[in-house]
Amino acid sequence: MAKLLLVDDERDIRHLFAAELEDEGYQVETAASVAEAEKALAQSTFDLMILDVQMPGESGLQLLQRLASERSPLPVILCTAYSSYKDDFSSWIADGYVVKSSDFSELKSEVARVLEKHQAQ
């Protein structure tokens, strides 16, 4: 069972996404900020991180860039309400990109795709 870290500042989104992903058989831990995510990353190992872009304080893109500079092997899917971040070159280092929606099929398929890709490597 893959262990996911879901990082989003919106409590309802965290709970909803976590419930949907747990129904798919994933173990999901949540964080409400980049600081909480970094604490979780220091305390545990994850197979994948789902990361919101816009959050108070430090953004998800800043965390993504830091992980890339540290050459972290952790795959990251950006999950945001704004499709415009796809045009931001700093988002291109993510392993996946999903626009938030009430249809969870894209998120679920992207999680499965990225996990499969990284397990094959």
PDB file of N, CA and C in Angstrom:
ATOM      1  N   MET A   1       0.854  -1.184   0.000  1.00  0.00           N
ATOM      2  CA  MET A   1       0.000   0.000   0.000  1.00  0.00           C
ATOM      3  C   MET A   1       0.897   1.242   0.000  1.00  0.00           C
ATOM      4  N   ALA A   2       0.677   2.122  -0.950  1.00  0.00           N
ATOM      5  CA  ALA A   2       1.469   3.346  -1.069  1.00  0.00           C
ATOM      6  C   ALA A   2       1.048   4.350   0.000  1.00  0.00           C
ATOM      7  N   LYS A   3       2.043   5.056   0.506  1.00  0.00           N
ATOM      8  CA  LYS A   3       1.803   6.072   1.529  1.00  0.00           C
ATOM      9  C   LYS A   3       1.953   7.451   0.887  1.00  0.00           C
ATOM     10  N   LEU A   4       0.877   8.257   0.974  1.00  0.00           N
ATOM     11  CA  LEU A   4       0.838   9.560   0.338  1.00  0.00           C
ATOM     12  C   LEU A   4       0.837  10.675   1.371  1.00  0.00           C
ATOM     13  N   LEU A   5       1.480  11.783   1.030  1.00  0.00           N
ATOM     14  CA  LEU A   5       1.401  13.005   1.828  1.00  0.00           C
ATOM     15  C   LEU A   5       0.615  14.015   1.013  1.00  0.00           C
ATOM     16  N   LEU A   6      -0.521  14.430   1.544  1.00  0.00           N
ATOM     17  CA  LEU A   6      -1.414  15.384   0.894  1.00  0.00           C
ATOM     18  C   LEU A   6      -1.272  16.730   1.593  1.00  0.00           C
ATOM     19  N   VAL A   7      -0.821  17.746   0.855  1.00  0.00           N
ATOM     20  CA  VAL A   7      -0.552  19.065   1.430  1.00  0.00           C
ATOM     21  C   VAL A   7      -1.499  20.082   0.803  1.00  0.00           C
ATOM     22  N   ASP A   8      -2.395  20.625   1.622  1.00  0.00           N
ATOM     23  CA  ASP A   8      -3.348  21.626   1.154  1.00  0.00           C
ATOM     24  C   ASP A   8      -3.794  22.441   2.360  1.00  0.00           C
ATOM     25  N   ASP A   9      -3.885  23.750   2.187  1.00  0.00           N
ATOM     26  CA  ASP A   9      -4.268  24.610   3.306  1.00  0.00           C
ATOM     27  C   ASP A   9      -5.769  24.583   3.598  1.00  0.00           C
ATOM     28  N   GLU A  10      -6.567  24.078   2.675  1.00  0.00           N
ATOM     29  CA  GLU A  10      -8.018  24.038   2.875  1.00  0.00           C
ATOM     30  C   GLU A  10      -8.409  22.716   3.536  1.00  0.00           C
ATOM     31  N   ARG A  11      -8.909  22.798   4.754  1.00  0.00           N
ATOM     32  CA  ARG A  11      -9.237  21.621   5.557  1.00  0.00           C
ATOM     33  C   ARG A  11     -10.220  20.701   4.841  1.00  0.00           C
ATOM     34  N   ASP A  12     -11.281  21.266   4.265  1.00  0.00           N
ATOM     35  CA  ASP A  12     -12.288  20.441   3.605  1.00  0.00           C
ATOM     36  C   ASP A  12     -11.708  19.685   2.410  1.00  0.00           C
ATOM     37  N   ILE A  13     -10.835  20.333   1.667  1.00  0.00           N
ATOM     38  CA  ILE A  13     -10.178  19.683   0.528  1.00  0.00           C
ATOM     39  C   ILE A  13      -9.312  18.535   1.029  1.00  0.00           C
ATOM     40  N   ARG A  14      -8.532  18.785   2.094  1.00  0.00           N
ATOM     41  CA  ARG A  14      -7.682  17.721   2.649  1.00  0.00           C
ATOM     42  C   ARG A  14      -8.512  16.500   3.017  1.00  0.00           C
ATOM     43  N   HIS A  15      -9.605  16.725   3.731  1.00  0.00           N
ATOM     44  CA  HIS A  15     -10.426  15.598   4.188  1.00  0.00           C
ATOM     45  C   HIS A  15     -11.092  14.875   3.018  1.00  0.00           C
ATOM     46  N   LEU A  16     -11.607  15.629   2.073  1.00  0.00           N
ATOM     47  CA  LEU A  16     -12.283  15.042   0.924  1.00  0.00           C
ATOM     48  C   LEU A  16     -11.306  14.234   0.061  1.00  0.00           C
ATOM     49  N   PHE A  17     -10.171  14.833  -0.285  1.00  0.00           N
ATOM     50  CA  PHE A  17      -9.180  14.138  -1.102  1.00  0.00           C
ATOM     51  C   PHE A  17      -8.632  12.920  -0.374  1.00  0.00           C
ATOM     52  N   ALA A  18      -8.354  13.070   0.918  1.00  0.00           N
ATOM     53  CA  ALA A  18      -7.829  11.943   1.699  1.00  0.00           C
ATOM     54  C   ALA A  18      -8.821  10.788   1.700  1.00  0.00           C
ATOM     55  N   ALA A  19     -10.099  11.079   1.912  1.00  0.00           N
ATOM     56  CA  ALA A  19     -11.123  10.028   1.925  1.00  0.00           C
ATOM     57  C   ALA A  19     -11.196   9.324   0.573  1.00  0.00           C
ATOM     58  N   GLU A  20     -11.166  10.093  -0.513  1.00  0.00           N
ATOM     59  CA  GLU A  20     -11.222   9.503  -1.855  1.00  0.00           C
ATOM     60  C   GLU A  20     -10.009   8.609  -2.125  1.00  0.00           C
ATOM     61  N   LEU A  21      -8.832   9.068  -1.728  1.00  0.00           N
ATOM     62  CA  LEU A  21      -7.611   8.301  -1.969  1.00  0.00           C
ATOM     63  C   LEU A  21      -7.531   7.080  -1.058  1.00  0.00           C
ATOM     64  N   GLU A  22      -8.009   7.204   0.171  1.00  0.00           N
ATOM     65  CA  GLU A  22      -8.046   6.048   1.074  1.00  0.00           C
ATOM     66  C   GLU A  22      -8.994   4.984   0.532  1.00  0.00           C
ATOM     67  N   ASP A  23     -10.089   5.408  -0.095  1.00  0.00           N
ATOM     68  CA  ASP A  23     -11.014   4.458  -0.722  1.00  0.00           C
ATOM     69  C   ASP A  23     -10.338   3.682  -1.859  1.00  0.00           C
ATOM     70  N   GLU A  24      -9.289   4.266  -2.434  1.00  0.00           N
ATOM     71  CA  GLU A  24      -8.525   3.596  -3.493  1.00  0.00           C
ATOM     72  C   GLU A  24      -7.460   2.662  -2.919  1.00  0.00           C
ATOM     73  N   GLY A  25      -7.341   2.646  -1.574  1.00  0.00           N
ATOM     74  CA  GLY A  25      -6.385   1.749  -0.931  1.00  0.00           C
ATOM     75  C   GLY A  25      -5.077   2.388  -0.518  1.00  0.00           C
ATOM     76  N   TYR A  26      -4.973   3.701  -0.646  1.00  0.00           N
ATOM     77  CA  TYR A  26      -3.743   4.388  -0.246  1.00  0.00           C
ATOM     78  C   TYR A  26      -3.804   4.764   1.226  1.00  0.00           C
ATOM     79  N   GLN A  27      -2.648   4.821   1.845  1.00  0.00           N
ATOM     80  CA  GLN A  27      -2.524   5.361   3.197  1.00  0.00           C
ATOM     81  C   GLN A  27      -2.205   6.845   3.013  1.00  0.00           C
ATOM     82  N   VAL A  28      -3.004   7.720   3.627  1.00  0.00           N
ATOM     83  CA  VAL A  28      -2.855   9.154   3.391  1.00  0.00           C
ATOM     84  C   VAL A  28      -2.607   9.890   4.697  1.00  0.00           C
ATOM     85  N   GLU A  29      -1.555  10.683   4.706  1.00  0.00           N
ATOM     86  CA  GLU A  29      -1.279  11.607   5.807  1.00  0.00           C
ATOM     87  C   GLU A  29      -1.449  13.008   5.232  1.00  0.00           C
ATOM     88  N   THR A  30      -1.952  13.945   6.037  1.00  0.00           N
ATOM     89  CA  THR A  30      -2.203  15.291   5.527  1.00  0.00           C
ATOM     90  C   THR A  30      -1.372  16.328   6.266  1.00  0.00           C
ATOM     91  N   ALA A  31      -1.170  17.450   5.574  1.00  0.00           N
ATOM     92  CA  ALA A  31      -0.482  18.606   6.140  1.00  0.00           C
ATOM     93  C   ALA A  31      -1.180  19.856   5.618  1.00  0.00           C
ATOM     94  N   ALA A  32      -1.286  20.875   6.477  1.00  0.00           N
ATOM     95  CA  ALA A  32      -1.997  22.100   6.124  1.00  0.00           C
ATOM     96  C   ALA A  32      -1.090  23.210   5.607  1.00  0.00           C
ATOM     97  N   SER A  33       0.209  22.977   5.612  1.00  0.00           N
ATOM     98  CA  SER A  33       1.152  24.020   5.187  1.00  0.00           C
ATOM     99  C   SER A  33       2.467  23.369   4.769  1.00  0.00           C
ATOM    100  N   VAL A  34       3.323  24.164   4.166  1.00  0.00           N
ATOM    101  CA  VAL A  34       4.649  23.686   3.799  1.00  0.00           C
ATOM    102  C   VAL A  34       5.418  23.300   5.057  1.00  0.00           C
ATOM    103  N   ALA A  35       5.295  24.087   6.119  1.00  0.00           N
ATOM    104  CA  ALA A  35       5.995  23.771   7.368  1.00  0.00           C
ATOM    105  C   ALA A  35       5.552  22.415   7.918  1.00  0.00           C
ATOM    106  N   GLU A  36       4.243  22.151   7.910  1.00  0.00           N
ATOM    107  CA  GLU A  36       3.741  20.854   8.370  1.00  0.00           C
ATOM    108  C   GLU A  36       4.222  19.733   7.455  1.00  0.00           C
ATOM    109  N   ALA A  37       4.269  19.998   6.165  1.00  0.00           N
ATOM    110  CA  ALA A  37       4.747  18.991   5.213  1.00  0.00           C
ATOM    111  C   ALA A  37       6.208  18.648   5.481  1.00  0.00           C
ATOM    112  N   GLU A  38       7.021  19.662   5.715  1.00  0.00           N
ATOM    113  CA  GLU A  38       8.437  19.416   5.993  1.00  0.00           C
ATOM    114  C   GLU A  38       8.619  18.613   7.277  1.00  0.00           C
ATOM    115  N   LYS A  39       7.787  18.884   8.264  1.00  0.00           N
ATOM    116  CA  LYS A  39       7.839  18.122   9.517  1.00  0.00           C
ATOM    117  C   LYS A  39       7.479  16.655   9.251  1.00  0.00           C
ATOM    118  N   ALA A  40       6.428  16.433   8.483  1.00  0.00           N
ATOM    119  CA  ALA A  40       6.012  15.067   8.140  1.00  0.00           C
ATOM    120  C   ALA A  40       7.101  14.350   7.347  1.00  0.00           C
ATOM    121  N   LEU A  41       7.728  15.052   6.408  1.00  0.00           N
ATOM    122  CA  LEU A  41       8.790  14.456   5.599  1.00  0.00           C
ATOM    123  C   LEU A  41       9.998  14.079   6.448  1.00  0.00           C
ATOM    124  N   ALA A  42      10.254  14.853   7.496  1.00  0.00           N
ATOM    125  CA  ALA A  42      11.374  14.559   8.388  1.00  0.00           C
ATOM    126  C   ALA A  42      11.080  13.358   9.289  1.00  0.00           C
ATOM    127  N   GLN A  43       9.803  13.103   9.546  1.00  0.00           N
ATOM    128  CA  GLN A  43       9.418  12.051  10.485  1.00  0.00           C
ATOM    129  C   GLN A  43       9.047  10.731   9.829  1.00  0.00           C
ATOM    130  N   SER A  44       8.781  10.741   8.520  1.00  0.00           N
ATOM    131  CA  SER A  44       8.284   9.542   7.871  1.00  0.00           C
ATOM    132  C   SER A  44       8.718   9.509   6.407  1.00  0.00           C
ATOM    133  N   THR A  45       8.521   8.362   5.792  1.00  0.00           N
ATOM    134  CA  THR A  45       8.826   8.186   4.380  1.00  0.00           C
ATOM    135  C   THR A  45       7.519   8.059   3.608  1.00  0.00           C
ATOM    136  N   PHE A  46       7.458   8.698   2.464  1.00  0.00           N
ATOM    137  CA  PHE A  46       6.261   8.682   1.634  1.00  0.00           C
ATOM    138  C   PHE A  46       6.614   8.207   0.232  1.00  0.00           C
ATOM    139  N   ASP A  47       5.626   7.647  -0.442  1.00  0.00           N
ATOM    140  CA  ASP A  47       5.809   7.192  -1.815  1.00  0.00           C
ATOM    141  C   ASP A  47       5.469   8.285  -2.823  1.00  0.00           C
ATOM    142  N   LEU A  48       4.684   9.277  -2.369  1.00  0.00           N
ATOM    143  CA  LEU A  48       4.224  10.335  -3.265  1.00  0.00           C
ATOM    144  C   LEU A  48       3.688  11.500  -2.443  1.00  0.00           C
ATOM    145  N   MET A  49       3.892  12.714  -2.937  1.00  0.00           N
ATOM    146  CA  MET A  49       3.312  13.890  -2.302  1.00  0.00           C
ATOM    147  C   MET A  49       2.385  14.580  -3.301  1.00  0.00           C
ATOM    148  N   ILE A  50       1.190  14.934  -2.821  1.00  0.00           N
ATOM    149  CA  ILE A  50       0.235  15.729  -3.588  1.00  0.00           C
ATOM    150  C   ILE A  50       0.269  17.111  -2.958  1.00  0.00           C
ATOM    151  N   LEU A  51       0.635  18.104  -3.733  1.00  0.00           N
ATOM    152  CA  LEU A  51       1.000  19.407  -3.202  1.00  0.00           C
ATOM    153  C   LEU A  51       0.191  20.532  -3.824  1.00  0.00           C
ATOM    154  N   ASP A  52      -0.520  21.275  -2.982  1.00  0.00           N
ATOM    155  CA  ASP A  52      -1.222  22.474  -3.437  1.00  0.00           C
ATOM    156  C   ASP A  52      -0.181  23.540  -3.768  1.00  0.00           C
ATOM    157  N   VAL A  53      -0.508  24.424  -4.680  1.00  0.00           N
ATOM    158  CA  VAL A  53       0.437  25.466  -5.086  1.00  0.00           C
ATOM    159  C   VAL A  53       0.284  26.703  -4.207  1.00  0.00           C
ATOM    160  N   GLN A  54      -0.912  27.259  -4.163  1.00  0.00           N
ATOM    161  CA  GLN A  54      -1.125  28.504  -3.415  1.00  0.00           C
ATOM    162  C   GLN A  54      -1.531  28.198  -1.975  1.00  0.00           C
ATOM    163  N   MET A  55      -0.654  28.579  -1.064  1.00  0.00           N
ATOM    164  CA  MET A  55      -0.932  28.429   0.362  1.00  0.00           C
ATOM    165  C   MET A  55      -0.377  29.646   1.084  1.00  0.00           C
ATOM    166  N   PRO A  56      -0.951  29.988   2.228  1.00  0.00           N
ATOM    167  CA  PRO A  56      -0.396  31.097   2.998  1.00  0.00           C
ATOM    168  C   PRO A  56       1.044  30.784   3.406  1.00  0.00           C
ATOM    169  N   GLY A  57       1.847  31.800   3.472  1.00  0.00           N
ATOM    170  CA  GLY A  57       3.255  31.575   3.809  1.00  0.00           C
ATOM    171  C   GLY A  57       3.992  31.081   2.587  1.00  0.00           C
ATOM    172  N   GLU A  58       4.717  30.008   2.748  1.00  0.00           N
ATOM    173  CA  GLU A  58       5.503  29.457   1.648  1.00  0.00           C
ATOM    174  C   GLU A  58       4.600  28.686   0.684  1.00  0.00           C
ATOM    175  N   SER A  59       4.848  28.843  -0.608  1.00  0.00           N
ATOM    176  CA  SER A  59       4.008  28.175  -1.613  1.00  0.00           C
ATOM    177  C   SER A  59       4.487  26.752  -1.864  1.00  0.00           C
ATOM    178  N   GLY A  60       3.594  25.983  -2.466  1.00  0.00           N
ATOM    179  CA  GLY A  60       3.956  24.637  -2.858  1.00  0.00           C
ATOM    180  C   GLY A  60       5.078  24.614  -3.881  1.00  0.00           C
ATOM    181  N   LEU A  61       5.108  25.608  -4.773  1.00  0.00           N
ATOM    182  CA  LEU A  61       6.186  25.668  -5.762  1.00  0.00           C
ATOM    183  C   LEU A  61       7.538  25.868  -5.094  1.00  0.00           C
ATOM    184  N   GLN A  62       7.577  26.650  -4.028  1.00  0.00           N
ATOM    185  CA  GLN A  62       8.841  26.847  -3.310  1.00  0.00           C
ATOM    186  C   GLN A  62       9.325  25.536  -2.692  1.00  0.00           C
ATOM    187  N   LEU A  63       8.409  24.763  -2.114  1.00  0.00           N
ATOM    188  CA  LEU A  63       8.785  23.465  -1.560  1.00  0.00           C
ATOM    189  C   LEU A  63       9.245  22.533  -2.676  1.00  0.00           C
ATOM    190  N   LEU A  64       8.525  22.513  -3.786  1.00  0.00           N
ATOM    191  CA  LEU A  64       8.904  21.674  -4.916  1.00  0.00           C
ATOM    192  C   LEU A  64      10.315  22.009  -5.399  1.00  0.00           C
ATOM    193  N   GLN A  65      10.624  23.287  -5.524  1.00  0.00           N
ATOM    194  CA  GLN A  65      11.954  23.704  -5.970  1.00  0.00           C
ATOM    195  C   GLN A  65      13.030  23.282  -4.970  1.00  0.00           C
ATOM    196  N   ARG A  66      12.724  23.386  -3.685  1.00  0.00           N
ATOM    197  CA  ARG A  66      13.692  22.985  -2.660  1.00  0.00           C
ATOM    198  C   ARG A  66      13.944  21.477  -2.725  1.00  0.00           C
ATOM    199  N   LEU A  67      12.884  20.693  -2.871  1.00  0.00           N
ATOM    200  CA  LEU A  67      13.046  19.241  -2.980  1.00  0.00           C
ATOM    201  C   LEU A  67      13.875  18.883  -4.210  1.00  0.00           C
ATOM    202  N   ALA A  68      13.637  19.580  -5.317  1.00  0.00           N
ATOM    203  CA  ALA A  68      14.400  19.322  -6.535  1.00  0.00           C
ATOM    204  C   ALA A  68      15.871  19.671  -6.340  1.00  0.00           C
ATOM    205  N   SER A  69      16.152  20.775  -5.664  1.00  0.00           N
ATOM    206  CA  SER A  69      17.544  21.168  -5.444  1.00  0.00           C
ATOM    207  C   SER A  69      18.262  20.196  -4.505  1.00  0.00           C
ATOM    208  N   GLU A  70      17.490  19.540  -3.637  1.00  0.00           N
ATOM    209  CA  GLU A  70      18.059  18.528  -2.731  1.00  0.00           C
ATOM    210  C   GLU A  70      18.111  17.161  -3.396  1.00  0.00           C
ATOM    211  N   ARG A  71      17.648  17.095  -4.630  1.00  0.00           N
ATOM    212  CA  ARG A  71      17.584  15.855  -5.401  1.00  0.00           C
ATOM    213  C   ARG A  71      16.769  14.779  -4.673  1.00  0.00           C
ATOM    214  N   SER A  72      15.674  15.214  -4.094  1.00  0.00           N
ATOM    215  CA  SER A  72      14.771  14.290  -3.414  1.00  0.00           C
ATOM    216  C   SER A  72      14.149  13.338  -4.437  1.00  0.00           C
ATOM    217  N   PRO A  73      14.122  12.046  -4.121  1.00  0.00           N
ATOM    218  CA  PRO A  73      13.507  11.084  -5.038  1.00  0.00           C
ATOM    219  C   PRO A  73      11.978  11.039  -4.932  1.00  0.00           C
ATOM    220  N   LEU A  74      11.413  11.825  -4.013  1.00  0.00           N
ATOM    221  CA  LEU A  74       9.970  11.798  -3.776  1.00  0.00           C
ATOM    222  C   LEU A  74       9.215  12.380  -4.971  1.00  0.00           C
ATOM    223  N   PRO A  75       8.358  11.587  -5.614  1.00  0.00           N
ATOM    224  CA  PRO A  75       7.549  12.143  -6.699  1.00  0.00           C
ATOM    225  C   PRO A  75       6.490  13.097  -6.153  1.00  0.00           C
ATOM    226  N   VAL A  76       6.219  14.153  -6.917  1.00  0.00           N
ATOM    227  CA  VAL A  76       5.281  15.190  -6.493  1.00  0.00           C
ATOM    228  C   VAL A  76       4.267  15.444  -7.605  1.00  0.00           C
ATOM    229  N   ILE A  77       2.996  15.484  -7.205  1.00  0.00           N
ATOM    230  CA  ILE A  77       1.924  15.910  -8.098  1.00  0.00           C
ATOM    231  C   ILE A  77       1.422  17.251  -7.591  1.00  0.00           C
ATOM    232  N   LEU A  78       1.464  18.266  -8.428  1.00  0.00           N
ATOM    233  CA  LEU A  78       0.878  19.550  -8.069  1.00  0.00           C
ATOM    234  C   LEU A  78      -0.624  19.451  -8.274  1.00  0.00           C
ATOM    235  N   CYS A  79      -1.365  19.934  -7.296  1.00  0.00           N
ATOM    236  CA  CYS A  79      -2.821  19.891  -7.364  1.00  0.00           C
ATOM    237  C   CYS A  79      -3.319  21.279  -6.976  1.00  0.00           C
ATOM    238  N   THR A  80      -3.851  21.998  -7.952  1.00  0.00           N
ATOM    239  CA  THR A  80      -4.211  23.387  -7.731  1.00  0.00           C
ATOM    240  C   THR A  80      -5.535  23.718  -8.412  1.00  0.00           C
ATOM    241  N   ALA A  81      -6.144  24.782  -7.963  1.00  0.00           N
ATOM    242  CA  ALA A  81      -7.392  25.241  -8.578  1.00  0.00           C
ATOM    243  C   ALA A  81      -7.122  26.043  -9.849  1.00  0.00           C
ATOM    244  N   TYR A  82      -5.861  26.327 -10.135  1.00  0.00           N
ATOM    245  CA  TYR A  82      -5.518  27.217 -11.238  1.00  0.00           C
ATOM    246  C   TYR A  82      -4.703  26.487 -12.310  1.00  0.00           C
ATOM    247  N   SER A  83      -5.254  26.372 -13.486  1.00  0.00           N
ATOM    248  CA  SER A  83      -4.535  25.705 -14.575  1.00  0.00           C
ATOM    249  C   SER A  83      -3.370  26.557 -15.082  1.00  0.00           C
ATOM    250  N   SER A  84      -3.355  27.834 -14.768  1.00  0.00           N
ATOM    251  CA  SER A  84      -2.310  28.737 -15.266  1.00  0.00           C
ATOM    252  C   SER A  84      -0.918  28.374 -14.744  1.00  0.00           C
ATOM    253  N   TYR A  85      -0.835  27.652 -13.633  1.00  0.00           N
ATOM    254  CA  TYR A  85       0.485  27.274 -13.112  1.00  0.00           C
ATOM    255  C   TYR A  85       1.196  26.283 -14.022  1.00  0.00           C
ATOM    256  N   LYS A  86       0.454  25.626 -14.907  1.00  0.00           N
ATOM    257  CA  LYS A  86       1.094  24.719 -15.869  1.00  0.00           C
ATOM    258  C   LYS A  86       2.060  25.477 -16.760  1.00  0.00           C
ATOM    259  N   ASP A  87       1.828  26.769 -16.944  1.00  0.00           N
ATOM    260  CA  ASP A  87       2.696  27.588 -17.783  1.00  0.00           C
ATOM    261  C   ASP A  87       3.920  28.113 -17.037  1.00  0.00           C
ATOM    262  N   ASP A  88       3.947  27.963 -15.730  1.00  0.00           N
ATOM    263  CA  ASP A  88       5.076  28.402 -14.914  1.00  0.00           C
ATOM    264  C   ASP A  88       6.156  27.326 -15.007  1.00  0.00           C
ATOM    265  N   PHE A  89       7.309  27.679 -15.546  1.00  0.00           N
ATOM    266  CA  PHE A  89       8.352  26.674 -15.776  1.00  0.00           C
ATOM    267  C   PHE A  89       8.752  25.955 -14.495  1.00  0.00           C
ATOM    268  N   SER A  90       8.600  26.572 -13.330  1.00  0.00           N
ATOM    269  CA  SER A  90       8.987  25.899 -12.091  1.00  0.00           C
ATOM    270  C   SER A  90       8.058  24.730 -11.765  1.00  0.00           C
ATOM    271  N   SER A  91       6.855  24.721 -12.341  1.00  0.00           N
ATOM    272  CA  SER A  91       5.939  23.605 -12.111  1.00  0.00           C
ATOM    273  C   SER A  91       6.326  22.393 -12.956  1.00  0.00           C
ATOM    274  N   TRP A  92       7.154  22.576 -13.952  1.00  0.00           N
ATOM    275  CA  TRP A  92       7.508  21.494 -14.862  1.00  0.00           C
ATOM    276  C   TRP A  92       8.354  20.423 -14.190  1.00  0.00           C
ATOM    277  N   ILE A  93       8.955  20.735 -13.048  1.00  0.00           N
ATOM    278  CA  ILE A  93       9.765  19.726 -12.366  1.00  0.00           C
ATOM    279  C   ILE A  93       8.902  18.743 -11.576  1.00  0.00           C
ATOM    280  N   ALA A  94       7.611  19.038 -11.465  1.00  0.00           N
ATOM    281  CA  ALA A  94       6.697  18.105 -10.797  1.00  0.00           C
ATOM    282  C   ALA A  94       6.483  16.885 -11.693  1.00  0.00           C
ATOM    283  N   ASP A  95       6.132  15.782 -11.069  1.00  0.00           N
ATOM    284  CA  ASP A  95       5.891  14.544 -11.802  1.00  0.00           C
ATOM    285  C   ASP A  95       4.490  14.507 -12.407  1.00  0.00           C
ATOM    286  N   GLY A  96       3.606  15.347 -11.897  1.00  0.00           N
ATOM    287  CA  GLY A  96       2.248  15.392 -12.398  1.00  0.00           C
ATOM    288  C   GLY A  96       1.595  16.705 -12.032  1.00  0.00           C
ATOM    289  N   TYR A  97       0.465  16.990 -12.672  1.00  0.00           N
ATOM    290  CA  TYR A  97      -0.239  18.253 -12.461  1.00  0.00           C
ATOM    291  C   TYR A  97      -1.727  17.981 -12.621  1.00  0.00           C
ATOM    292  N   VAL A  98      -2.507  18.331 -11.606  1.00  0.00           N
ATOM    293  CA  VAL A  98      -3.948  18.116 -11.637  1.00  0.00           C
ATOM    294  C   VAL A  98      -4.637  19.408 -11.214  1.00  0.00           C
ATOM    295  N   VAL A  99      -5.664  19.786 -11.969  1.00  0.00           N
ATOM    296  CA  VAL A  99      -6.491  20.923 -11.584  1.00  0.00           C
ATOM    297  C   VAL A  99      -7.612  20.377 -10.697  1.00  0.00           C
ATOM    298  N   LYS A 100      -7.798  20.987  -9.531  1.00  0.00           N
ATOM    299  CA  LYS A 100      -8.812  20.532  -8.575  1.00  0.00           C
ATOM    300  C   LYS A 100     -10.184  20.528  -9.227  1.00  0.00           C
ATOM    301  N   SER A 101     -10.937  19.494  -8.906  1.00  0.00           N
ATOM    302  CA  SER A 101     -12.252  19.314  -9.503  1.00  0.00           C
ATOM    303  C   SER A 101     -13.098  18.448  -8.582  1.00  0.00           C
ATOM    304  N   SER A 102     -14.405  18.506  -8.769  1.00  0.00           N
ATOM    305  CA  SER A 102     -15.282  17.627  -8.001  1.00  0.00           C
ATOM    306  C   SER A 102     -15.270  16.216  -8.585  1.00  0.00           C
ATOM    307  N   ASP A 103     -14.669  16.062  -9.755  1.00  0.00           N
ATOM    308  CA  ASP A 103     -14.468  14.747 -10.361  1.00  0.00           C
ATOM    309  C   ASP A 103     -13.068  14.273  -9.980  1.00  0.00           C
ATOM    310  N   PHE A 104     -13.005  13.248  -9.160  1.00  0.00           N
ATOM    311  CA  PHE A 104     -11.720  12.801  -8.621  1.00  0.00           C
ATOM    312  C   PHE A 104     -10.987  11.826  -9.535  1.00  0.00           C
ATOM    313  N   SER A 105     -11.576  11.500 -10.675  1.00  0.00           N
ATOM    314  CA  SER A 105     -10.966  10.492 -11.544  1.00  0.00           C
ATOM    315  C   SER A 105      -9.590  10.930 -12.057  1.00  0.00           C
ATOM    316  N   GLU A 106      -9.432  12.213 -12.392  1.00  0.00           N
ATOM    317  CA  GLU A 106      -8.128  12.675 -12.890  1.00  0.00           C
ATOM    318  C   GLU A 106      -7.067  12.575 -11.800  1.00  0.00           C
ATOM    319  N   LEU A 107      -7.407  12.980 -10.584  1.00  0.00           N
ATOM    320  CA  LEU A 107      -6.452  12.881  -9.479  1.00  0.00           C
ATOM    321  C   LEU A 107      -6.072  11.427  -9.231  1.00  0.00           C
ATOM    322  N   LYS A 108      -7.061  10.557  -9.170  1.00  0.00           N
ATOM    323  CA  LYS A 108      -6.797   9.138  -8.910  1.00  0.00           C
ATOM    324  C   LYS A 108      -5.947   8.515 -10.008  1.00  0.00           C
ATOM    325  N   SER A 109      -6.238   8.823 -11.253  1.00  0.00           N
ATOM    326  CA  SER A 109      -5.451   8.236 -12.340  1.00  0.00           C
ATOM    327  C   SER A 109      -4.037   8.803 -12.366  1.00  0.00           C
ATOM    328  N   GLU A 110      -3.882  10.070 -12.026  1.00  0.00           N
ATOM    329  CA  GLU A 110      -2.539  10.675 -12.002  1.00  0.00           C
ATOM    330  C   GLU A 110      -1.710  10.073 -10.866  1.00  0.00           C
ATOM    331  N   VAL A 111      -2.318   9.852  -9.711  1.00  0.00           N
ATOM    332  CA  VAL A 111      -1.616   9.205  -8.595  1.00  0.00           C
ATOM    333  C   VAL A 111      -1.155   7.815  -9.021  1.00  0.00           C
ATOM    334  N   ALA A 112      -2.049   7.042  -9.609  1.00  0.00           N
ATOM    335  CA  ALA A 112      -1.692   5.690 -10.052  1.00  0.00           C
ATOM    336  C   ALA A 112      -0.577   5.723 -11.094  1.00  0.00           C
ATOM    337  N   ARG A 113      -0.675   6.656 -12.047  1.00  0.00           N
ATOM    338  CA  ARG A 113       0.337   6.761 -13.113  1.00  0.00           C
ATOM    339  C   ARG A 113       1.713   7.093 -12.550  1.00  0.00           C
ATOM    340  N   VAL A 114       1.766   8.102 -11.674  1.00  0.00           N
ATOM    341  CA  VAL A 114       3.059   8.531 -11.129  1.00  0.00           C
ATOM    342  C   VAL A 114       3.659   7.446 -10.232  1.00  0.00           C
ATOM    343  N   LEU A 115       2.842   6.801  -9.421  1.00  0.00           N
ATOM    344  CA  LEU A 115       3.355   5.721  -8.568  1.00  0.00           C
ATOM    345  C   LEU A 115       3.896   4.570  -9.423  1.00  0.00           C
ATOM    346  N   GLU A 116       3.163   4.211 -10.452  1.00  0.00           N
ATOM    347  CA  GLU A 116       3.607   3.117 -11.328  1.00  0.00           C
ATOM    348  C   GLU A 116       4.926   3.475 -12.011  1.00  0.00           C
ATOM    349  N   LYS A 117       5.024   4.689 -12.486  1.00  0.00           N
ATOM    350  CA  LYS A 117       6.243   5.152 -13.154  1.00  0.00           C
ATOM    351  C   LYS A 117       7.446   5.093 -12.209  1.00  0.00           C
ATOM    352  N   HIS A 118       7.251   5.537 -10.973  1.00  0.00           N
ATOM    353  CA  HIS A 118       8.374   5.578 -10.030  1.00  0.00           C
ATOM    354  C   HIS A 118       8.723   4.213  -9.463  1.00  0.00           C
ATOM    355  N   GLN A 119       7.738   3.333  -9.379  1.00  0.00           N
ATOM    356  CA  GLN A 119       8.035   1.974  -8.911  1.00  0.00           C
ATOM    357  C   GLN A 119       8.783   1.192  -9.973  1.00  0.00           C
ATOM    358  N   ALA A 120       8.587   1.536 -11.234  1.00  0.00           N
ATOM    359  CA  ALA A 120       9.267   0.858 -12.334  1.00  0.00           C
ATOM    360  C   ALA A 120      10.730   1.291 -12.446  1.00  0.00           C
ATOM    361  N   GLN A 121      11.062   2.438 -11.898  1.00  0.00           N
ATOM    362  CA  GLN A 121      12.439   2.961 -12.029  1.00  0.00           C
ATOM    363  C   GLN A 121      13.380   2.331 -11.038  1.00  0.00           C
TER     364      GLN A 121
END
